Amino acid sequence: MDSEIINGTTGGFKSAELSQIEETLTLEKFEVADAIEIGKIALAIGQERNLSMAIEVRIGDWVAFHASLPGSTPNNDWWIGRKARAVNLTGRSTLHERVLAEEQGIDWHQSKGVEEELYAIHGGGLALNVVGLGLTGVLIVSGLEQVADHLLGVEIVTEYLARKGEQL
């Protein structure tokens, strides 16, 4: 696949790099209080930077935190649902799935047997994995360009881990 196409849609990330980032962001635990804290960090960053976005933190399929900032639209909720389903299906970030599909030159939706209307592999859906448990929740950012959505999600989880005293 043409590297300009990959760089244009994925910020030049490679799947191995995204795997390493995801491993680094593994949580010690993830309960309702943690979901709310992650959501509050996301909300504070979004408000401070005046970002037009929506944020959601889920435990499984349960929405534990949601905020829509000024400038976001109901369309962001549609994207959030699609990104969350993709993360829950694969256990990896939506950007990771997009990079894998582009590296392999496959139609992701066809290979997974899912509809594009219901699943999105656009950056901004991050798997919240817990040591010894694996996928426990999902952080979803929607409203920015897809690589920016992903990077903001990484920043949010990194800040959460730093507040917990975990070294990255």
N, C-alpha and C. Protein backbone atom coordinates (compact mmCIF):
# COMPACT_ATOMS: atom_id res chain seq x y z
N MET A 1 0.85 -1.17 0.00
CA MET A 1 0.00 0.00 0.00
C MET A 1 0.89 1.24 0.00
N ASP A 2 0.50 2.30 -0.65
CA ASP A 2 1.26 3.53 -0.76
C ASP A 2 1.47 4.17 0.60
N SER A 3 2.74 4.48 0.95
CA SER A 3 3.03 5.04 2.27
C SER A 3 2.39 6.40 2.48
N GLU A 4 2.17 7.17 1.41
CA GLU A 4 1.50 8.46 1.56
C GLU A 4 0.06 8.27 2.02
N ILE A 5 -0.59 7.23 1.53
CA ILE A 5 -1.96 6.94 1.95
C ILE A 5 -1.97 6.54 3.42
N ILE A 6 -1.05 5.66 3.81
CA ILE A 6 -0.98 5.22 5.20
C ILE A 6 -0.70 6.40 6.12
N ASN A 7 0.31 7.21 5.79
CA ASN A 7 0.65 8.36 6.62
C ASN A 7 -0.48 9.37 6.70
N GLY A 8 -1.22 9.52 5.60
CA GLY A 8 -2.30 10.49 5.57
C GLY A 8 -3.46 10.12 6.47
N THR A 9 -3.71 8.84 6.66
CA THR A 9 -4.86 8.43 7.46
C THR A 9 -4.50 7.94 8.84
N THR A 10 -3.22 7.63 9.06
CA THR A 10 -2.84 7.03 10.34
C THR A 10 -1.68 7.75 11.04
N GLY A 11 -1.27 8.88 10.54
CA GLY A 11 -0.21 9.63 11.19
C GLY A 11 1.14 8.96 11.13
N GLY A 12 1.31 7.98 10.27
CA GLY A 12 2.59 7.30 10.15
C GLY A 12 2.81 6.22 11.20
N PHE A 13 1.81 5.94 12.01
CA PHE A 13 1.94 4.88 13.02
C PHE A 13 2.08 3.52 12.34
N LYS A 14 2.77 2.62 13.00
CA LYS A 14 2.88 1.22 12.61
C LYS A 14 2.19 0.39 13.68
N SER A 15 1.71 -0.79 13.33
CA SER A 15 0.96 -1.61 14.28
C SER A 15 1.82 -2.01 15.48
N ALA A 16 3.10 -2.29 15.27
CA ALA A 16 3.97 -2.68 16.39
C ALA A 16 4.09 -1.54 17.41
N GLU A 17 4.18 -0.34 16.92
CA GLU A 17 4.26 0.84 17.80
C GLU A 17 2.97 1.01 18.60
N LEU A 18 1.84 0.83 17.95
CA LEU A 18 0.55 0.96 18.63
C LEU A 18 0.36 -0.14 19.66
N SER A 19 0.84 -1.35 19.37
CA SER A 19 0.78 -2.45 20.35
C SER A 19 1.57 -2.09 21.61
N GLN A 20 2.74 -1.52 21.40
CA GLN A 20 3.59 -1.13 22.53
C GLN A 20 2.92 -0.04 23.37
N ILE A 21 2.31 0.94 22.71
CA ILE A 21 1.60 2.00 23.43
C ILE A 21 0.46 1.40 24.25
N GLU A 22 -0.31 0.51 23.64
CA GLU A 22 -1.44 -0.10 24.33
C GLU A 22 -0.98 -0.89 25.56
N GLU A 23 0.13 -1.59 25.42
CA GLU A 23 0.66 -2.35 26.55
C GLU A 23 1.09 -1.41 27.69
N THR A 24 1.70 -0.29 27.33
CA THR A 24 2.14 0.70 28.31
C THR A 24 0.97 1.29 29.07
N LEU A 25 -0.18 1.40 28.43
CA LEU A 25 -1.35 2.04 29.03
C LEU A 25 -2.25 1.06 29.79
N THR A 26 -1.76 -0.13 30.09
CA THR A 26 -2.55 -1.11 30.84
C THR A 26 -2.79 -0.62 32.26
N LEU A 27 -4.02 -0.79 32.74
CA LEU A 27 -4.43 -0.31 34.06
C LEU A 27 -4.30 -1.40 35.11
N GLU A 28 -4.11 -1.00 36.35
CA GLU A 28 -4.08 -1.95 37.47
C GLU A 28 -5.49 -2.42 37.82
N LYS A 29 -6.46 -1.50 37.68
CA LYS A 29 -7.86 -1.81 37.93
C LYS A 29 -8.71 -0.85 37.11
N PHE A 30 -9.99 -1.18 36.96
CA PHE A 30 -10.90 -0.28 36.24
C PHE A 30 -12.31 -0.52 36.74
N GLU A 31 -12.77 0.42 37.56
CA GLU A 31 -14.11 0.38 38.15
C GLU A 31 -14.81 1.69 37.83
N VAL A 32 -16.02 1.85 38.31
CA VAL A 32 -16.81 3.05 38.01
C VAL A 32 -16.06 4.32 38.38
N ALA A 33 -15.46 4.36 39.57
CA ALA A 33 -14.74 5.56 40.00
C ALA A 33 -13.59 5.89 39.04
N ASP A 34 -12.93 4.86 38.52
CA ASP A 34 -11.85 5.06 37.56
C ASP A 34 -12.39 5.61 36.24
N ALA A 35 -13.51 5.07 35.79
CA ALA A 35 -14.13 5.54 34.55
C ALA A 35 -14.51 7.02 34.68
N ILE A 36 -15.06 7.39 35.80
CA ILE A 36 -15.44 8.78 36.02
C ILE A 36 -14.21 9.68 36.07
N GLU A 37 -13.16 9.22 36.74
CA GLU A 37 -11.93 10.02 36.81
C GLU A 37 -11.33 10.22 35.41
N ILE A 38 -11.29 9.16 34.61
CA ILE A 38 -10.80 9.29 33.24
C ILE A 38 -11.67 10.26 32.45
N GLY A 39 -12.98 10.15 32.62
CA GLY A 39 -13.89 11.07 31.95
C GLY A 39 -13.69 12.51 32.37
N LYS A 40 -13.47 12.74 33.65
CA LYS A 40 -13.24 14.10 34.13
C LYS A 40 -11.94 14.67 33.59
N ILE A 41 -10.91 13.85 33.48
CA ILE A 41 -9.64 14.31 32.89
C ILE A 41 -9.89 14.72 31.44
N ALA A 42 -10.61 13.89 30.69
CA ALA A 42 -10.93 14.18 29.30
C ALA A 42 -11.73 15.48 29.19
N LEU A 43 -12.72 15.62 30.05
CA LEU A 43 -13.56 16.82 30.03
C LEU A 43 -12.73 18.06 30.33
N ALA A 44 -11.88 18.00 31.33
CA ALA A 44 -11.05 19.16 31.69
C ALA A 44 -10.12 19.56 30.55
N ILE A 45 -9.49 18.58 29.92
CA ILE A 45 -8.61 18.88 28.79
C ILE A 45 -9.40 19.50 27.65
N GLY A 46 -10.55 18.90 27.34
CA GLY A 46 -11.39 19.43 26.26
C GLY A 46 -11.85 20.85 26.51
N GLN A 47 -12.26 21.14 27.74
CA GLN A 47 -12.70 22.49 28.08
C GLN A 47 -11.54 23.48 28.06
N GLU A 48 -10.41 23.07 28.62
CA GLU A 48 -9.23 23.95 28.66
C GLU A 48 -8.77 24.34 27.26
N ARG A 49 -8.86 23.38 26.33
CA ARG A 49 -8.39 23.62 24.95
C ARG A 49 -9.52 24.06 24.02
N ASN A 50 -10.73 24.17 24.57
CA ASN A 50 -11.89 24.60 23.78
C ASN A 50 -12.11 23.68 22.57
N LEU A 51 -12.09 22.37 22.82
CA LEU A 51 -12.24 21.39 21.76
C LEU A 51 -13.72 21.05 21.54
N SER A 52 -14.11 20.97 20.29
CA SER A 52 -15.46 20.55 19.93
C SER A 52 -15.46 19.03 19.80
N MET A 53 -15.84 18.36 20.88
CA MET A 53 -15.78 16.91 20.88
C MET A 53 -16.74 16.33 21.89
N ALA A 54 -16.92 15.03 21.77
CA ALA A 54 -17.68 14.27 22.76
C ALA A 54 -16.75 13.19 23.30
N ILE A 55 -16.95 12.85 24.56
CA ILE A 55 -16.11 11.87 25.25
C ILE A 55 -17.03 10.85 25.89
N GLU A 56 -16.60 9.60 25.86
CA GLU A 56 -17.36 8.58 26.56
C GLU A 56 -16.39 7.56 27.15
N VAL A 57 -16.72 7.08 28.34
CA VAL A 57 -15.96 6.02 28.98
C VAL A 57 -16.95 4.91 29.31
N ARG A 58 -16.63 3.71 28.85
CA ARG A 58 -17.52 2.56 29.05
C ARG A 58 -16.82 1.47 29.85
N ILE A 59 -17.61 0.78 30.62
CA ILE A 59 -17.19 -0.46 31.25
C ILE A 59 -18.00 -1.53 30.53
N GLY A 60 -17.31 -2.32 29.69
CA GLY A 60 -18.04 -3.21 28.81
C GLY A 60 -18.90 -2.36 27.89
N ASP A 61 -20.19 -2.65 27.83
CA ASP A 61 -21.11 -1.85 27.02
C ASP A 61 -21.80 -0.75 27.82
N TRP A 62 -21.55 -0.70 29.12
CA TRP A 62 -22.21 0.26 30.00
C TRP A 62 -21.51 1.61 29.92
N VAL A 63 -22.27 2.68 29.64
CA VAL A 63 -21.73 4.03 29.60
C VAL A 63 -21.63 4.54 31.03
N ALA A 64 -20.39 4.67 31.52
CA ALA A 64 -20.16 5.15 32.89
C ALA A 64 -19.92 6.65 32.93
N PHE A 65 -19.51 7.24 31.78
CA PHE A 65 -19.27 8.68 31.72
C PHE A 65 -19.48 9.12 30.28
N HIS A 66 -20.17 10.26 30.11
CA HIS A 66 -20.35 10.85 28.78
C HIS A 66 -20.41 12.36 28.94
N ALA A 67 -19.74 13.05 28.04
CA ALA A 67 -19.84 14.51 27.99
C ALA A 67 -19.76 14.96 26.54
N SER A 68 -20.61 15.90 26.20
CA SER A 68 -20.58 16.52 24.88
C SER A 68 -20.22 17.98 25.08
N LEU A 69 -19.12 18.41 24.51
CA LEU A 69 -18.65 19.78 24.66
C LEU A 69 -19.26 20.67 23.58
N PRO A 70 -19.31 21.98 23.82
CA PRO A 70 -19.84 22.90 22.80
C PRO A 70 -19.15 22.69 21.46
N GLY A 71 -19.97 22.65 20.42
CA GLY A 71 -19.47 22.42 19.08
C GLY A 71 -19.61 20.97 18.63
N SER A 72 -19.80 20.06 19.58
CA SER A 72 -20.05 18.66 19.19
C SER A 72 -21.50 18.55 18.73
N THR A 73 -21.81 17.44 18.09
CA THR A 73 -23.16 17.24 17.55
C THR A 73 -23.62 15.82 17.86
N PRO A 74 -24.91 15.53 17.63
CA PRO A 74 -25.38 14.16 17.80
C PRO A 74 -24.62 13.15 16.93
N ASN A 75 -24.04 13.62 15.84
CA ASN A 75 -23.25 12.75 14.97
C ASN A 75 -22.06 12.16 15.73
N ASN A 76 -21.51 12.91 16.69
CA ASN A 76 -20.40 12.39 17.48
C ASN A 76 -20.82 11.14 18.25
N ASP A 77 -22.05 11.10 18.74
CA ASP A 77 -22.52 9.92 19.46
C ASP A 77 -22.60 8.70 18.55
N TRP A 78 -22.96 8.92 17.29
CA TRP A 78 -22.99 7.84 16.31
C TRP A 78 -21.57 7.29 16.12
N TRP A 79 -20.59 8.17 15.98
CA TRP A 79 -19.20 7.75 15.84
C TRP A 79 -18.73 7.03 17.10
N ILE A 80 -19.10 7.53 18.26
CA ILE A 80 -18.70 6.91 19.53
C ILE A 80 -19.18 5.46 19.58
N GLY A 81 -20.43 5.23 19.23
CA GLY A 81 -20.97 3.87 19.24
C GLY A 81 -20.23 2.95 18.28
N ARG A 82 -19.92 3.45 17.10
CA ARG A 82 -19.22 2.65 16.10
C ARG A 82 -17.80 2.32 16.55
N LYS A 83 -17.12 3.31 17.12
CA LYS A 83 -15.74 3.08 17.61
C LYS A 83 -15.75 2.11 18.79
N ALA A 84 -16.68 2.28 19.70
CA ALA A 84 -16.76 1.39 20.87
C ALA A 84 -16.98 -0.05 20.45
N ARG A 85 -17.86 -0.28 19.46
CA ARG A 85 -18.11 -1.64 19.00
C ARG A 85 -16.85 -2.26 18.40
N ALA A 86 -16.08 -1.46 17.66
CA ALA A 86 -14.84 -1.97 17.05
C ALA A 86 -13.83 -2.36 18.13
N VAL A 87 -13.69 -1.54 19.16
CA VAL A 87 -12.75 -1.86 20.24
C VAL A 87 -13.22 -3.10 20.98
N ASN A 88 -14.51 -3.18 21.29
CA ASN A 88 -15.03 -4.36 22.00
C ASN A 88 -14.89 -5.64 21.16
N LEU A 89 -14.95 -5.52 19.86
CA LEU A 89 -14.79 -6.68 18.98
C LEU A 89 -13.36 -7.19 18.95
N THR A 90 -12.40 -6.27 18.96
CA THR A 90 -11.00 -6.65 18.73
C THR A 90 -10.10 -6.56 19.95
N GLY A 91 -10.48 -5.75 20.92
CA GLY A 91 -9.63 -5.54 22.09
C GLY A 91 -8.47 -4.59 21.83
N ARG A 92 -8.47 -3.92 20.71
CA ARG A 92 -7.42 -2.98 20.34
C ARG A 92 -8.04 -1.63 19.98
N SER A 93 -7.19 -0.60 19.96
CA SER A 93 -7.67 0.73 19.59
C SER A 93 -8.16 0.74 18.15
N THR A 94 -9.03 1.67 17.87
CA THR A 94 -9.56 1.79 16.51
C THR A 94 -8.46 2.20 15.53
N LEU A 95 -7.53 3.04 15.96
CA LEU A 95 -6.42 3.42 15.08
C LEU A 95 -5.53 2.21 14.81
N HIS A 96 -5.30 1.39 15.83
CA HIS A 96 -4.51 0.18 15.67
C HIS A 96 -5.16 -0.73 14.60
N GLU A 97 -6.46 -0.89 14.70
CA GLU A 97 -7.17 -1.72 13.72
C GLU A 97 -7.06 -1.14 12.32
N ARG A 98 -7.15 0.17 12.21
CA ARG A 98 -7.03 0.82 10.89
C ARG A 98 -5.63 0.59 10.32
N VAL A 99 -4.61 0.78 11.16
CA VAL A 99 -3.23 0.58 10.71
C VAL A 99 -3.02 -0.87 10.27
N LEU A 100 -3.50 -1.82 11.07
CA LEU A 100 -3.37 -3.24 10.69
C LEU A 100 -4.03 -3.51 9.34
N ALA A 101 -5.23 -2.98 9.15
CA ALA A 101 -5.95 -3.20 7.89
C ALA A 101 -5.18 -2.61 6.72
N GLU A 102 -4.62 -1.42 6.92
CA GLU A 102 -3.87 -0.79 5.83
C GLU A 102 -2.54 -1.52 5.59
N GLU A 103 -1.88 -1.98 6.65
CA GLU A 103 -0.63 -2.74 6.47
C GLU A 103 -0.89 -4.04 5.72
N GLN A 104 -2.03 -4.68 6.01
CA GLN A 104 -2.36 -5.96 5.38
C GLN A 104 -3.08 -5.79 4.05
N GLY A 105 -3.50 -4.56 3.74
CA GLY A 105 -4.21 -4.30 2.49
C GLY A 105 -5.56 -4.99 2.42
N ILE A 106 -6.28 -5.04 3.56
CA ILE A 106 -7.57 -5.73 3.60
C ILE A 106 -8.71 -4.75 3.86
N ASP A 107 -9.90 -5.19 3.52
CA ASP A 107 -11.12 -4.48 3.89
C ASP A 107 -11.49 -4.98 5.28
N TRP A 108 -11.26 -4.13 6.29
CA TRP A 108 -11.46 -4.53 7.68
C TRP A 108 -12.87 -5.02 7.94
N HIS A 109 -13.86 -4.28 7.48
CA HIS A 109 -15.26 -4.63 7.74
C HIS A 109 -15.61 -5.99 7.14
N GLN A 110 -15.15 -6.22 5.92
CA GLN A 110 -15.41 -7.50 5.27
C GLN A 110 -14.69 -8.63 6.02
N SER A 111 -13.44 -8.40 6.42
CA SER A 111 -12.67 -9.46 7.09
C SER A 111 -13.28 -9.82 8.45
N LYS A 112 -13.92 -8.86 9.12
CA LYS A 112 -14.54 -9.11 10.43
C LYS A 112 -16.01 -9.51 10.30
N GLY A 113 -16.57 -9.37 9.10
CA GLY A 113 -17.97 -9.71 8.89
C GLY A 113 -18.92 -8.75 9.57
N VAL A 114 -18.56 -7.47 9.59
CA VAL A 114 -19.39 -6.46 10.25
C VAL A 114 -19.71 -5.32 9.28
N GLU A 115 -20.76 -4.59 9.61
CA GLU A 115 -21.20 -3.48 8.76
C GLU A 115 -20.50 -2.19 9.13
N GLU A 116 -20.08 -1.44 8.11
CA GLU A 116 -19.42 -0.16 8.33
C GLU A 116 -20.33 0.82 9.06
N GLU A 117 -21.62 0.70 8.85
CA GLU A 117 -22.59 1.58 9.52
C GLU A 117 -22.57 1.39 11.04
N LEU A 118 -22.11 0.22 11.50
CA LEU A 118 -22.12 -0.08 12.93
C LEU A 118 -20.74 -0.11 13.58
N TYR A 119 -19.67 -0.20 12.78
CA TYR A 119 -18.31 -0.32 13.30
C TYR A 119 -17.41 0.67 12.57
N ALA A 120 -16.57 1.40 13.33
CA ALA A 120 -15.65 2.36 12.73
C ALA A 120 -14.23 2.12 13.23
N ILE A 121 -13.30 2.10 12.29
CA ILE A 121 -11.89 2.00 12.66
C ILE A 121 -11.22 3.34 12.34
N HIS A 122 -11.76 4.37 12.94
CA HIS A 122 -11.20 5.71 12.88
C HIS A 122 -10.68 6.01 14.27
N GLY A 123 -9.53 6.63 14.37
CA GLY A 123 -8.89 6.88 15.66
C GLY A 123 -9.82 7.50 16.68
N GLY A 124 -9.55 7.19 17.94
CA GLY A 124 -10.32 7.78 19.03
C GLY A 124 -10.96 6.77 19.95
N GLY A 125 -10.96 5.51 19.59
CA GLY A 125 -11.46 4.45 20.46
C GLY A 125 -10.28 3.73 21.06
N LEU A 126 -10.10 3.81 22.38
CA LEU A 126 -8.98 3.16 23.05
C LEU A 126 -9.46 2.06 23.98
N ALA A 127 -8.80 0.92 23.89
CA ALA A 127 -9.09 -0.19 24.78
C ALA A 127 -8.54 0.13 26.17
N LEU A 128 -9.35 -0.10 27.19
CA LEU A 128 -8.90 0.04 28.57
C LEU A 128 -8.72 -1.37 29.12
N ASN A 129 -7.46 -1.81 29.07
CA ASN A 129 -7.10 -3.16 29.49
C ASN A 129 -6.59 -3.14 30.93
N VAL A 130 -6.96 -4.17 31.68
CA VAL A 130 -6.54 -4.32 33.06
C VAL A 130 -5.60 -5.51 33.17
N VAL A 131 -4.54 -5.33 33.94
CA VAL A 131 -3.57 -6.40 34.17
C VAL A 131 -4.31 -7.66 34.62
N GLY A 132 -4.07 -8.77 33.95
CA GLY A 132 -4.66 -10.05 34.31
C GLY A 132 -6.09 -10.26 33.85
N LEU A 133 -6.75 -9.20 33.37
CA LEU A 133 -8.15 -9.31 32.93
C LEU A 133 -8.32 -9.03 31.44
N GLY A 134 -7.45 -8.21 30.87
CA GLY A 134 -7.60 -7.81 29.48
C GLY A 134 -8.61 -6.68 29.33
N LEU A 135 -9.33 -6.70 28.22
CA LEU A 135 -10.26 -5.61 27.90
C LEU A 135 -11.37 -5.53 28.94
N THR A 136 -11.47 -4.37 29.55
CA THR A 136 -12.48 -4.14 30.58
C THR A 136 -13.36 -2.94 30.25
N GLY A 137 -12.81 -2.00 29.48
CA GLY A 137 -13.56 -0.80 29.15
C GLY A 137 -13.02 -0.15 27.89
N VAL A 138 -13.67 0.97 27.54
CA VAL A 138 -13.29 1.70 26.34
C VAL A 138 -13.38 3.19 26.64
N LEU A 139 -12.37 3.93 26.19
CA LEU A 139 -12.40 5.39 26.18
C LEU A 139 -12.59 5.79 24.73
N ILE A 140 -13.57 6.66 24.47
CA ILE A 140 -13.82 7.10 23.11
C ILE A 140 -13.82 8.62 23.06
N VAL A 141 -13.05 9.15 22.10
CA VAL A 141 -13.00 10.58 21.82
C VAL A 141 -13.50 10.74 20.40
N SER A 142 -14.40 11.70 20.18
CA SER A 142 -14.94 11.93 18.84
C SER A 142 -15.11 13.42 18.60
N GLY A 143 -14.62 13.87 17.46
CA GLY A 143 -14.83 15.26 17.07
C GLY A 143 -13.62 15.91 16.45
N LEU A 144 -12.45 15.35 16.71
CA LEU A 144 -11.22 15.88 16.13
C LEU A 144 -10.87 15.03 14.91
N GLU A 145 -9.77 15.37 14.26
CA GLU A 145 -9.25 14.52 13.19
C GLU A 145 -8.84 13.20 13.85
N GLN A 146 -8.94 12.08 13.13
CA GLN A 146 -8.83 10.77 13.77
C GLN A 146 -7.51 10.52 14.50
N VAL A 147 -6.39 10.97 13.98
CA VAL A 147 -5.13 10.78 14.70
C VAL A 147 -5.12 11.65 15.95
N ALA A 148 -5.68 12.86 15.87
CA ALA A 148 -5.78 13.74 17.05
C ALA A 148 -6.70 13.13 18.10
N ASP A 149 -7.80 12.51 17.67
CA ASP A 149 -8.69 11.80 18.61
C ASP A 149 -7.90 10.73 19.36
N HIS A 150 -7.11 9.95 18.63
CA HIS A 150 -6.32 8.88 19.23
C HIS A 150 -5.28 9.44 20.20
N LEU A 151 -4.54 10.43 19.75
CA LEU A 151 -3.47 11.00 20.59
C LEU A 151 -4.04 11.63 21.85
N LEU A 152 -5.20 12.25 21.75
CA LEU A 152 -5.83 12.82 22.93
C LEU A 152 -6.23 11.69 23.89
N GLY A 153 -6.74 10.61 23.37
CA GLY A 153 -7.09 9.47 24.22
C GLY A 153 -5.87 8.93 24.95
N VAL A 154 -4.75 8.82 24.25
CA VAL A 154 -3.50 8.36 24.86
C VAL A 154 -3.08 9.34 25.95
N GLU A 155 -3.18 10.63 25.67
CA GLU A 155 -2.83 11.65 26.66
C GLU A 155 -3.70 11.54 27.91
N ILE A 156 -4.98 11.30 27.73
CA ILE A 156 -5.92 11.19 28.85
C ILE A 156 -5.55 10.00 29.74
N VAL A 157 -5.34 8.84 29.14
CA VAL A 157 -5.00 7.65 29.92
C VAL A 157 -3.63 7.82 30.58
N THR A 158 -2.69 8.44 29.88
CA THR A 158 -1.37 8.71 30.46
C THR A 158 -1.49 9.60 31.69
N GLU A 159 -2.32 10.63 31.61
CA GLU A 159 -2.54 11.52 32.75
C GLU A 159 -3.19 10.77 33.91
N TYR A 160 -4.16 9.92 33.59
CA TYR A 160 -4.82 9.12 34.63
C TYR A 160 -3.79 8.24 35.35
N LEU A 161 -2.94 7.56 34.58
CA LEU A 161 -1.91 6.70 35.18
C LEU A 161 -0.92 7.50 36.00
N ALA A 162 -0.57 8.68 35.53
CA ALA A 162 0.37 9.54 36.28
C ALA A 162 -0.24 9.95 37.61
N ARG A 163 -1.54 10.24 37.63
CA ARG A 163 -2.21 10.60 38.88
C ARG A 163 -2.24 9.43 39.86
N LYS A 164 -2.23 8.23 39.32
CA LYS A 164 -2.21 7.04 40.16
C LYS A 164 -0.80 6.68 40.60
N GLY A 165 0.17 7.46 40.14
CA GLY A 165 1.56 7.22 40.53
C GLY A 165 2.25 6.15 39.72
N GLU A 166 1.68 5.79 38.57
CA GLU A 166 2.29 4.76 37.74
C GLU A 166 3.26 5.43 36.76
N GLN A 167 4.42 4.87 36.64
CA GLN A 167 5.46 5.40 35.75
C GLN A 167 5.29 4.78 34.37
N LEU A 168 5.36 5.62 33.36
CA LEU A 168 5.25 5.12 31.98
C LEU A 168 6.61 5.13 31.31
